[in-house]
All heavy atoms as atom14 arrays in JSON, in Angstrom:
{
  "sequence": "LAYGLLTAACLAYARRRGWTRPGPRPFRGRLALATAAVV",
  "atom14_mask": [
    [1, 1, 1, 1, 1, 1, 1, 1, 0, 0, 0, 0, 0, 0],
    [1, 1, 1, 1, 1, 0, 0, 0, 0, 0, 0, 0, 0, 0],
    [1, 1, 1, 1, 1, 1, 1, 1, 1, 1, 1, 1, 0, 0],
    [1, 1, 1, 1, 0, 0, 0, 0, 0, 0, 0, 0, 0, 0],
    [1, 1, 1, 1, 1, 1, 1, 1, 0, 0, 0, 0, 0, 0],
    [1, 1, 1, 1, 1, 1, 1, 1, 0, 0, 0, 0, 0, 0],
    [1, 1, 1, 1, 1, 1, 1, 0, 0, 0, 0, 0, 0, 0],
    [1, 1, 1, 1, 1, 0, 0, 0, 0, 0, 0, 0, 0, 0],
    [1, 1, 1, 1, 1, 0, 0, 0, 0, 0, 0, 0, 0, 0],
    [1, 1, 1, 1, 1, 1, 0, 0, 0, 0, 0, 0, 0, 0],
    [1, 1, 1, 1, 1, 1, 1, 1, 0, 0, 0, 0, 0, 0],
    [1, 1, 1, 1, 1, 0, 0, 0, 0, 0, 0, 0, 0, 0],
    [1, 1, 1, 1, 1, 1, 1, 1, 1, 1, 1, 1, 0, 0],
    [1, 1, 1, 1, 1, 0, 0, 0, 0, 0, 0, 0, 0, 0],
    [1, 1, 1, 1, 1, 1, 1, 1, 1, 1, 1, 0, 0, 0],
    [1, 1, 1, 1, 1, 1, 1, 1, 1, 1, 1, 0, 0, 0],
    [1, 1, 1, 1, 1, 1, 1, 1, 1, 1, 1, 0, 0, 0],
    [1, 1, 1, 1, 0, 0, 0, 0, 0, 0, 0, 0, 0, 0],
    [1, 1, 1, 1, 1, 1, 1, 1, 1, 1, 1, 1, 1, 1],
    [1, 1, 1, 1, 1, 1, 1, 0, 0, 0, 0, 0, 0, 0],
    [1, 1, 1, 1, 1, 1, 1, 1, 1, 1, 1, 0, 0, 0],
    [1, 1, 1, 1, 1, 1, 1, 0, 0, 0, 0, 0, 0, 0],
    [1, 1, 1, 1, 0, 0, 0, 0, 0, 0, 0, 0, 0, 0],
    [1, 1, 1, 1, 1, 1, 1, 0, 0, 0, 0, 0, 0, 0],
    [1, 1, 1, 1, 1, 1, 1, 1, 1, 1, 1, 0, 0, 0],
    [1, 1, 1, 1, 1, 1, 1, 0, 0, 0, 0, 0, 0, 0],
    [1, 1, 1, 1, 1, 1, 1, 1, 1, 1, 1, 0, 0, 0],
    [1, 1, 1, 1, 1, 1, 1, 1, 1, 1, 1, 0, 0, 0],
    [1, 1, 1, 1, 0, 0, 0, 0, 0, 0, 0, 0, 0, 0],
    [1, 1, 1, 1, 1, 1, 1, 1, 1, 1, 1, 0, 0, 0],
    [1, 1, 1, 1, 1, 1, 1, 1, 0, 0, 0, 0, 0, 0],
    [1, 1, 1, 1, 1, 0, 0, 0, 0, 0, 0, 0, 0, 0],
    [1, 1, 1, 1, 1, 1, 1, 1, 0, 0, 0, 0, 0, 0],
    [1, 1, 1, 1, 1, 0, 0, 0, 0, 0, 0, 0, 0, 0],
    [1, 1, 1, 1, 1, 1, 1, 0, 0, 0, 0, 0, 0, 0],
    [1, 1, 1, 1, 1, 0, 0, 0, 0, 0, 0, 0, 0, 0],
    [1, 1, 1, 1, 1, 0, 0, 0, 0, 0, 0, 0, 0, 0],
    [1, 1, 1, 1, 1, 1, 1, 0, 0, 0, 0, 0, 0, 0],
    [1, 1, 1, 1, 1, 1, 1, 0, 0, 0, 0, 0, 0, 0]
  ],
  "atom14_positions": [
    [[105.77, 160.38, 30.54], [106.55, 159.93, 29.38], [106.51, 158.42, 29.24], [106.19, 157.89, 28.16], [107.99, 160.42, 29.5], [108.95, 159.97, 28.39], [108.5, 160.51, 27.04], [110.38, 160.4, 28.71], [0.0, 0.0, 0.0], [0.0, 0.0, 0.0], [0.0, 0.0, 0.0], [0.0, 0.0, 0.0], [0.0, 0.0, 0.0], [0.0, 0.0, 0.0]],
    [[106.86, 157.72, 30.31], [106.89, 156.26, 30.25], [105.51, 155.68, 30.0], [105.35, 154.75, 29.19], [107.47, 155.71, 31.56], [0.0, 0.0, 0.0], [0.0, 0.0, 0.0], [0.0, 0.0, 0.0], [0.0, 0.0, 0.0], [0.0, 0.0, 0.0], [0.0, 0.0, 0.0], [0.0, 0.0, 0.0], [0.0, 0.0, 0.0], [0.0, 0.0, 0.0]],
    [[104.52, 156.23, 30.66], [103.14, 155.75, 30.49], [102.69, 155.93, 29.04], [102.08, 155.03, 28.44], [102.21, 156.53, 31.42], [100.9, 155.86, 31.75], [100.66, 155.35, 33.01], [99.89, 155.78, 30.8], [99.45, 154.76, 33.33], [98.67, 155.19, 31.1], [98.45, 154.67, 32.38], [97.26, 154.09, 32.67], [0.0, 0.0, 0.0], [0.0, 0.0, 0.0]],
    [[103.0, 157.09, 28.46], [102.62, 157.34, 27.07], [103.32, 156.43, 26.1], [102.71, 155.92, 25.15], [0.0, 0.0, 0.0], [0.0, 0.0, 0.0], [0.0, 0.0, 0.0], [0.0, 0.0, 0.0], [0.0, 0.0, 0.0], [0.0, 0.0, 0.0], [0.0, 0.0, 0.0], [0.0, 0.0, 0.0], [0.0, 0.0, 0.0], [0.0, 0.0, 0.0]],
    [[104.62, 156.2, 26.31], [105.36, 155.32, 25.41], [104.85, 153.88, 25.49], [104.74, 153.19, 24.47], [106.86, 155.37, 25.75], [107.56, 156.7, 25.46], [109.0, 156.65, 25.93], [107.5, 157.03, 23.97], [0.0, 0.0, 0.0], [0.0, 0.0, 0.0], [0.0, 0.0, 0.0], [0.0, 0.0, 0.0], [0.0, 0.0, 0.0], [0.0, 0.0, 0.0]],
    [[104.53, 153.42, 26.7], [103.98, 152.08, 26.85], [102.59, 151.98, 26.22], [102.24, 150.95, 25.61], [103.92, 151.71, 28.33], [105.27, 151.45, 29.01], [105.11, 151.35, 30.52], [105.9, 150.16, 28.45], [0.0, 0.0, 0.0], [0.0, 0.0, 0.0], [0.0, 0.0, 0.0], [0.0, 0.0, 0.0], [0.0, 0.0, 0.0], [0.0, 0.0, 0.0]],
    [[101.79, 153.04, 26.35], [100.48, 153.06, 25.7], [100.64, 153.01, 24.18], [99.91, 152.27, 23.48], [99.69, 154.3, 26.1], [99.53, 154.34, 27.51], [98.31, 154.32, 25.45], [0.0, 0.0, 0.0], [0.0, 0.0, 0.0], [0.0, 0.0, 0.0], [0.0, 0.0, 0.0], [0.0, 0.0, 0.0], [0.0, 0.0, 0.0], [0.0, 0.0, 0.0]],
    [[101.59, 153.78, 23.65], [101.85, 153.76, 22.21], [102.3, 152.39, 21.75], [101.92, 151.93, 20.66], [102.9, 154.81, 21.86], [0.0, 0.0, 0.0], [0.0, 0.0, 0.0], [0.0, 0.0, 0.0], [0.0, 0.0, 0.0], [0.0, 0.0, 0.0], [0.0, 0.0, 0.0], [0.0, 0.0, 0.0], [0.0, 0.0, 0.0], [0.0, 0.0, 0.0]],
    [[103.11, 151.71, 22.57], [103.55, 150.36, 22.22], [102.37, 149.4, 22.18], [102.28, 148.53, 21.29], [104.59, 149.88, 23.23], [0.0, 0.0, 0.0], [0.0, 0.0, 0.0], [0.0, 0.0, 0.0], [0.0, 0.0, 0.0], [0.0, 0.0, 0.0], [0.0, 0.0, 0.0], [0.0, 0.0, 0.0], [0.0, 0.0, 0.0], [0.0, 0.0, 0.0]],
    [[101.44, 149.54, 23.13], [100.24, 148.7, 23.12], [99.37, 148.99, 21.9], [98.78, 148.06, 21.31], [99.44, 148.93, 24.41], [100.22, 148.3, 25.9], [0.0, 0.0, 0.0], [0.0, 0.0, 0.0], [0.0, 0.0, 0.0], [0.0, 0.0, 0.0], [0.0, 0.0, 0.0], [0.0, 0.0, 0.0], [0.0, 0.0, 0.0], [0.0, 0.0, 0.0]],
    [[99.29, 150.25, 21.5], [98.53, 150.6, 20.3], [99.18, 150.03, 19.05], [98.49, 149.59, 18.12], [98.42, 152.12, 20.19], [97.47, 152.8, 21.19], [97.61, 154.32, 21.1], [96.03, 152.38, 20.93], [0.0, 0.0, 0.0], [0.0, 0.0, 0.0], [0.0, 0.0, 0.0], [0.0, 0.0, 0.0], [0.0, 0.0, 0.0], [0.0, 0.0, 0.0]],
    [[100.52, 150.03, 19.01], [101.22, 149.43, 17.88], [100.94, 147.93, 17.81], [100.75, 147.37, 16.71], [102.72, 149.69, 18.0], [0.0, 0.0, 0.0], [0.0, 0.0, 0.0], [0.0, 0.0, 0.0], [0.0, 0.0, 0.0], [0.0, 0.0, 0.0], [0.0, 0.0, 0.0], [0.0, 0.0, 0.0], [0.0, 0.0, 0.0], [0.0, 0.0, 0.0]],
    [[100.9, 147.29, 18.97], [100.55, 145.87, 19.01], [99.14, 145.64, 18.5], [98.88, 144.7, 17.72], [100.7, 145.36, 20.45], [100.18, 143.96, 20.66], [100.93, 142.86, 20.29], [98.92, 143.75, 21.25], [100.45, 141.56, 20.48], [98.44, 142.48, 21.46], [99.2, 141.38, 21.07], [98.72, 140.11, 21.26], [0.0, 0.0, 0.0], [0.0, 0.0, 0.0]],
    [[98.22, 146.51, 18.94], [96.83, 146.39, 18.48], [96.72, 146.56, 16.98], [95.94, 145.85, 16.31], [95.96, 147.43, 19.2], [0.0, 0.0, 0.0], [0.0, 0.0, 0.0], [0.0, 0.0, 0.0], [0.0, 0.0, 0.0], [0.0, 0.0, 0.0], [0.0, 0.0, 0.0], [0.0, 0.0, 0.0], [0.0, 0.0, 0.0], [0.0, 0.0, 0.0]],
    [[97.5, 147.45, 16.42], [97.46, 147.66, 14.97], [98.01, 146.45, 14.23], [97.47, 146.04, 13.19], [98.24, 148.93, 14.61], [98.13, 149.28, 13.13], [98.66, 150.66, 12.87], [98.51, 151.02, 11.46], [98.84, 152.19, 10.95], [99.34, 153.14, 11.74], [98.67, 152.43, 9.67], [0.0, 0.0, 0.0], [0.0, 0.0, 0.0], [0.0, 0.0, 0.0]],
    [[99.09, 145.86, 14.74], [99.66, 144.67, 14.09], [98.66, 143.51, 14.12], [98.64, 142.68, 13.21], [100.96, 144.27, 14.78], [102.14, 145.19, 14.46], [103.46, 144.54, 14.83], [103.54, 144.21, 16.23], [104.0, 145.03, 17.17], [104.42, 146.25, 16.82], [104.05, 144.65, 18.42], [0.0, 0.0, 0.0], [0.0, 0.0, 0.0], [0.0, 0.0, 0.0]],
    [[97.87, 143.46, 15.18], [96.86, 142.39, 15.28], [95.63, 142.69, 14.43], [94.71, 141.86, 14.37], [96.44, 142.22, 16.74], [97.53, 141.7, 17.67], [97.91, 140.25, 17.34], [96.78, 139.35, 17.44], [96.44, 138.7, 18.55], [97.18, 138.87, 19.65], [95.42, 137.9, 18.58], [0.0, 0.0, 0.0], [0.0, 0.0, 0.0], [0.0, 0.0, 0.0]],
    [[95.6, 143.86, 13.82], [94.46, 144.21, 12.99], [93.27, 144.73, 13.75], [92.15, 144.78, 13.22], [0.0, 0.0, 0.0], [0.0, 0.0, 0.0], [0.0, 0.0, 0.0], [0.0, 0.0, 0.0], [0.0, 0.0, 0.0], [0.0, 0.0, 0.0], [0.0, 0.0, 0.0], [0.0, 0.0, 0.0], [0.0, 0.0, 0.0], [0.0, 0.0, 0.0]],
    [[93.49, 145.14, 15.02], [92.38, 145.64, 15.83], [92.02, 147.07, 15.47], [90.92, 147.53, 15.78], [92.75, 145.58, 17.32], [92.98, 144.18, 17.82], [92.71, 143.02, 17.17], [93.54, 143.82, 19.09], [93.06, 141.94, 17.95], [93.57, 142.41, 19.14], [94.01, 144.55, 20.19], [94.05, 141.71, 20.24], [94.48, 143.86, 21.29], [94.51, 142.45, 21.31]],
    [[92.94, 147.78, 14.87], [92.68, 149.17, 14.46], [93.05, 149.35, 13.0], [93.83, 148.57, 12.43], [93.49, 150.17, 15.3], [94.89, 149.98, 15.03], [93.24, 149.97, 16.79], [0.0, 0.0, 0.0], [0.0, 0.0, 0.0], [0.0, 0.0, 0.0], [0.0, 0.0, 0.0], [0.0, 0.0, 0.0], [0.0, 0.0, 0.0], [0.0, 0.0, 0.0]],
    [[92.5, 150.39, 12.42], [92.8, 150.71, 11.03], [93.21, 152.17, 10.91], [92.76, 152.99, 11.71], [91.58, 150.44, 10.14], [91.16, 148.97, 10.11], [89.94, 148.79, 9.22], [89.5, 147.4, 9.19], [88.45, 146.97, 8.5], [87.71, 147.85, 7.81], [88.13, 145.7, 8.53], [0.0, 0.0, 0.0], [0.0, 0.0, 0.0], [0.0, 0.0, 0.0]],
    [[94.05, 152.47, 9.91], [94.44, 153.88, 9.73], [93.22, 154.74, 9.45], [92.32, 154.36, 8.7], [95.38, 153.83, 8.52], [95.85, 152.41, 8.45], [94.72, 151.58, 8.95], [0.0, 0.0, 0.0], [0.0, 0.0, 0.0], [0.0, 0.0, 0.0], [0.0, 0.0, 0.0], [0.0, 0.0, 0.0], [0.0, 0.0, 0.0], [0.0, 0.0, 0.0]],
    [[93.18, 155.91, 10.06], [92.06, 156.82, 9.85], [92.29, 157.69, 8.64], [93.36, 157.65, 8.01], [0.0, 0.0, 0.0], [0.0, 0.0, 0.0], [0.0, 0.0, 0.0], [0.0, 0.0, 0.0], [0.0, 0.0, 0.0], [0.0, 0.0, 0.0], [0.0, 0.0, 0.0], [0.0, 0.0, 0.0], [0.0, 0.0, 0.0], [0.0, 0.0, 0.0]],
    [[91.32, 158.49, 8.29], [91.48, 159.41, 7.15], [92.53, 160.47, 7.45], [92.78, 160.81, 8.61], [90.08, 160.02, 7.01], [89.47, 159.91, 8.37], [90.0, 158.63, 8.94], [0.0, 0.0, 0.0], [0.0, 0.0, 0.0], [0.0, 0.0, 0.0], [0.0, 0.0, 0.0], [0.0, 0.0, 0.0], [0.0, 0.0, 0.0], [0.0, 0.0, 0.0]],
    [[93.14, 160.97, 6.41], [94.15, 162.01, 6.59], [93.49, 163.31, 7.06], [92.42, 163.71, 6.57], [94.9, 162.25, 5.28], [95.67, 161.02, 4.81], [96.44, 161.32, 3.54], [97.47, 162.33, 3.79], [98.3, 162.77, 2.84], [98.2, 162.31, 1.59], [99.21, 163.67, 3.13], [0.0, 0.0, 0.0], [0.0, 0.0, 0.0], [0.0, 0.0, 0.0]],
    [[94.12, 164.0, 7.99], [93.5, 165.24, 8.52], [93.68, 166.41, 7.56], [94.53, 166.39, 6.67], [94.28, 165.47, 9.8], [95.63, 164.89, 9.52], [95.38, 163.67, 8.66], [0.0, 0.0, 0.0], [0.0, 0.0, 0.0], [0.0, 0.0, 0.0], [0.0, 0.0, 0.0], [0.0, 0.0, 0.0], [0.0, 0.0, 0.0], [0.0, 0.0, 0.0]],
    [[92.87, 167.43, 7.78], [93.07, 168.7, 7.1], [94.1, 169.47, 7.95], [93.76, 170.02, 9.0], [91.76, 169.48, 7.02], [90.63, 168.69, 6.41], [89.39, 168.61, 7.05], [90.79, 168.03, 5.19], [88.34, 167.89, 6.49], [89.75, 167.32, 4.62], [88.52, 167.24, 5.26], [0.0, 0.0, 0.0], [0.0, 0.0, 0.0], [0.0, 0.0, 0.0]],
    [[95.34, 169.48, 7.53], [96.43, 169.95, 8.4], [96.25, 171.4, 8.84], [96.52, 171.75, 9.99], [97.77, 169.76, 7.69], [98.12, 168.28, 7.48], [99.5, 168.13, 6.87], [99.84, 166.73, 6.72], [100.99, 166.28, 6.2], [101.9, 167.17, 5.79], [101.21, 165.0, 6.1], [0.0, 0.0, 0.0], [0.0, 0.0, 0.0], [0.0, 0.0, 0.0]],
    [[95.85, 172.25, 7.94], [95.66, 173.65, 8.3], [94.59, 173.81, 9.35], [94.76, 174.55, 10.34], [0.0, 0.0, 0.0], [0.0, 0.0, 0.0], [0.0, 0.0, 0.0], [0.0, 0.0, 0.0], [0.0, 0.0, 0.0], [0.0, 0.0, 0.0], [0.0, 0.0, 0.0], [0.0, 0.0, 0.0], [0.0, 0.0, 0.0], [0.0, 0.0, 0.0]],
    [[93.48, 173.13, 9.17], [92.4, 173.2, 10.15], [92.81, 172.58, 11.48], [92.43, 173.06, 12.56], [91.16, 172.51, 9.62], [90.55, 173.17, 8.39], [89.3, 172.41, 7.97], [88.71, 172.96, 6.75], [87.61, 172.47, 6.19], [87.0, 171.43, 6.74], [87.14, 173.02, 5.09], [0.0, 0.0, 0.0], [0.0, 0.0, 0.0], [0.0, 0.0, 0.0]],
    [[93.58, 171.49, 11.39], [94.06, 170.83, 12.61], [94.94, 171.77, 13.42], [94.78, 171.89, 14.65], [94.84, 169.57, 12.25], [95.44, 168.76, 13.41], [94.35, 168.25, 14.33], [96.27, 167.6, 12.88], [0.0, 0.0, 0.0], [0.0, 0.0, 0.0], [0.0, 0.0, 0.0], [0.0, 0.0, 0.0], [0.0, 0.0, 0.0], [0.0, 0.0, 0.0]],
    [[95.83, 172.47, 12.77], [96.71, 173.42, 13.46], [95.91, 174.58, 14.05], [96.15, 175.01, 15.19], [97.76, 173.94, 12.49], [0.0, 0.0, 0.0], [0.0, 0.0, 0.0], [0.0, 0.0, 0.0], [0.0, 0.0, 0.0], [0.0, 0.0, 0.0], [0.0, 0.0, 0.0], [0.0, 0.0, 0.0], [0.0, 0.0, 0.0], [0.0, 0.0, 0.0]],
    [[94.92, 175.08, 13.3], [94.11, 176.19, 13.77], [93.28, 175.79, 14.98], [93.2, 176.53, 15.98], [93.19, 176.68, 12.64], [92.23, 177.83, 12.99], [93.02, 179.06, 13.41], [91.31, 178.14, 11.81], [0.0, 0.0, 0.0], [0.0, 0.0, 0.0], [0.0, 0.0, 0.0], [0.0, 0.0, 0.0], [0.0, 0.0, 0.0], [0.0, 0.0, 0.0]],
    [[92.67, 174.62, 14.92], [91.85, 174.15, 16.04], [92.7, 173.94, 17.29], [92.3, 174.31, 18.41], [91.13, 172.87, 15.67], [0.0, 0.0, 0.0], [0.0, 0.0, 0.0], [0.0, 0.0, 0.0], [0.0, 0.0, 0.0], [0.0, 0.0, 0.0], [0.0, 0.0, 0.0], [0.0, 0.0, 0.0], [0.0, 0.0, 0.0], [0.0, 0.0, 0.0]],
    [[93.87, 173.36, 17.1], [94.77, 173.12, 18.25], [95.19, 174.42, 18.88], [95.19, 174.58, 20.11], [96.0, 172.32, 17.79], [95.58, 171.09, 17.2], [96.91, 172.03, 18.97], [0.0, 0.0, 0.0], [0.0, 0.0, 0.0], [0.0, 0.0, 0.0], [0.0, 0.0, 0.0], [0.0, 0.0, 0.0], [0.0, 0.0, 0.0], [0.0, 0.0, 0.0]],
    [[95.57, 175.39, 18.06], [95.99, 176.69, 18.58], [94.86, 177.37, 19.35], [95.09, 178.0, 20.39], [96.47, 177.58, 17.44], [0.0, 0.0, 0.0], [0.0, 0.0, 0.0], [0.0, 0.0, 0.0], [0.0, 0.0, 0.0], [0.0, 0.0, 0.0], [0.0, 0.0, 0.0], [0.0, 0.0, 0.0], [0.0, 0.0, 0.0], [0.0, 0.0, 0.0]],
    [[93.63, 177.23, 18.84], [92.49, 177.86, 19.51], [92.23, 177.24, 20.89], [91.97, 177.96, 21.86], [91.25, 177.73, 18.63], [0.0, 0.0, 0.0], [0.0, 0.0, 0.0], [0.0, 0.0, 0.0], [0.0, 0.0, 0.0], [0.0, 0.0, 0.0], [0.0, 0.0, 0.0], [0.0, 0.0, 0.0], [0.0, 0.0, 0.0], [0.0, 0.0, 0.0]],
    [[92.32, 175.92, 20.99], [92.08, 175.25, 22.27], [93.19, 175.58, 23.26], [92.94, 175.82, 24.45], [91.95, 173.73, 22.08], [91.76, 173.04, 23.43], [90.76, 173.41, 21.18], [0.0, 0.0, 0.0], [0.0, 0.0, 0.0], [0.0, 0.0, 0.0], [0.0, 0.0, 0.0], [0.0, 0.0, 0.0], [0.0, 0.0, 0.0], [0.0, 0.0, 0.0]],
    [[94.44, 175.62, 22.79], [95.55, 176.0, 23.66], [95.36, 177.43, 24.17], [95.54, 177.72, 25.36], [96.89, 175.86, 22.93], [98.02, 176.49, 23.75], [97.2, 174.4, 22.64], [0.0, 0.0, 0.0], [0.0, 0.0, 0.0], [0.0, 0.0, 0.0], [0.0, 0.0, 0.0], [0.0, 0.0, 0.0], [0.0, 0.0, 0.0], [0.0, 0.0, 0.0]]
  ]
}
């Protein structure tokens, strides 16, 4: 939990610095189906 939250905070910092850009919006139905299949 702590490691993930700190990683997310670092990613937020990277985004504020312009190191990353928002990606395309996912196909939600396909995303849910793919996740369920892998689980």
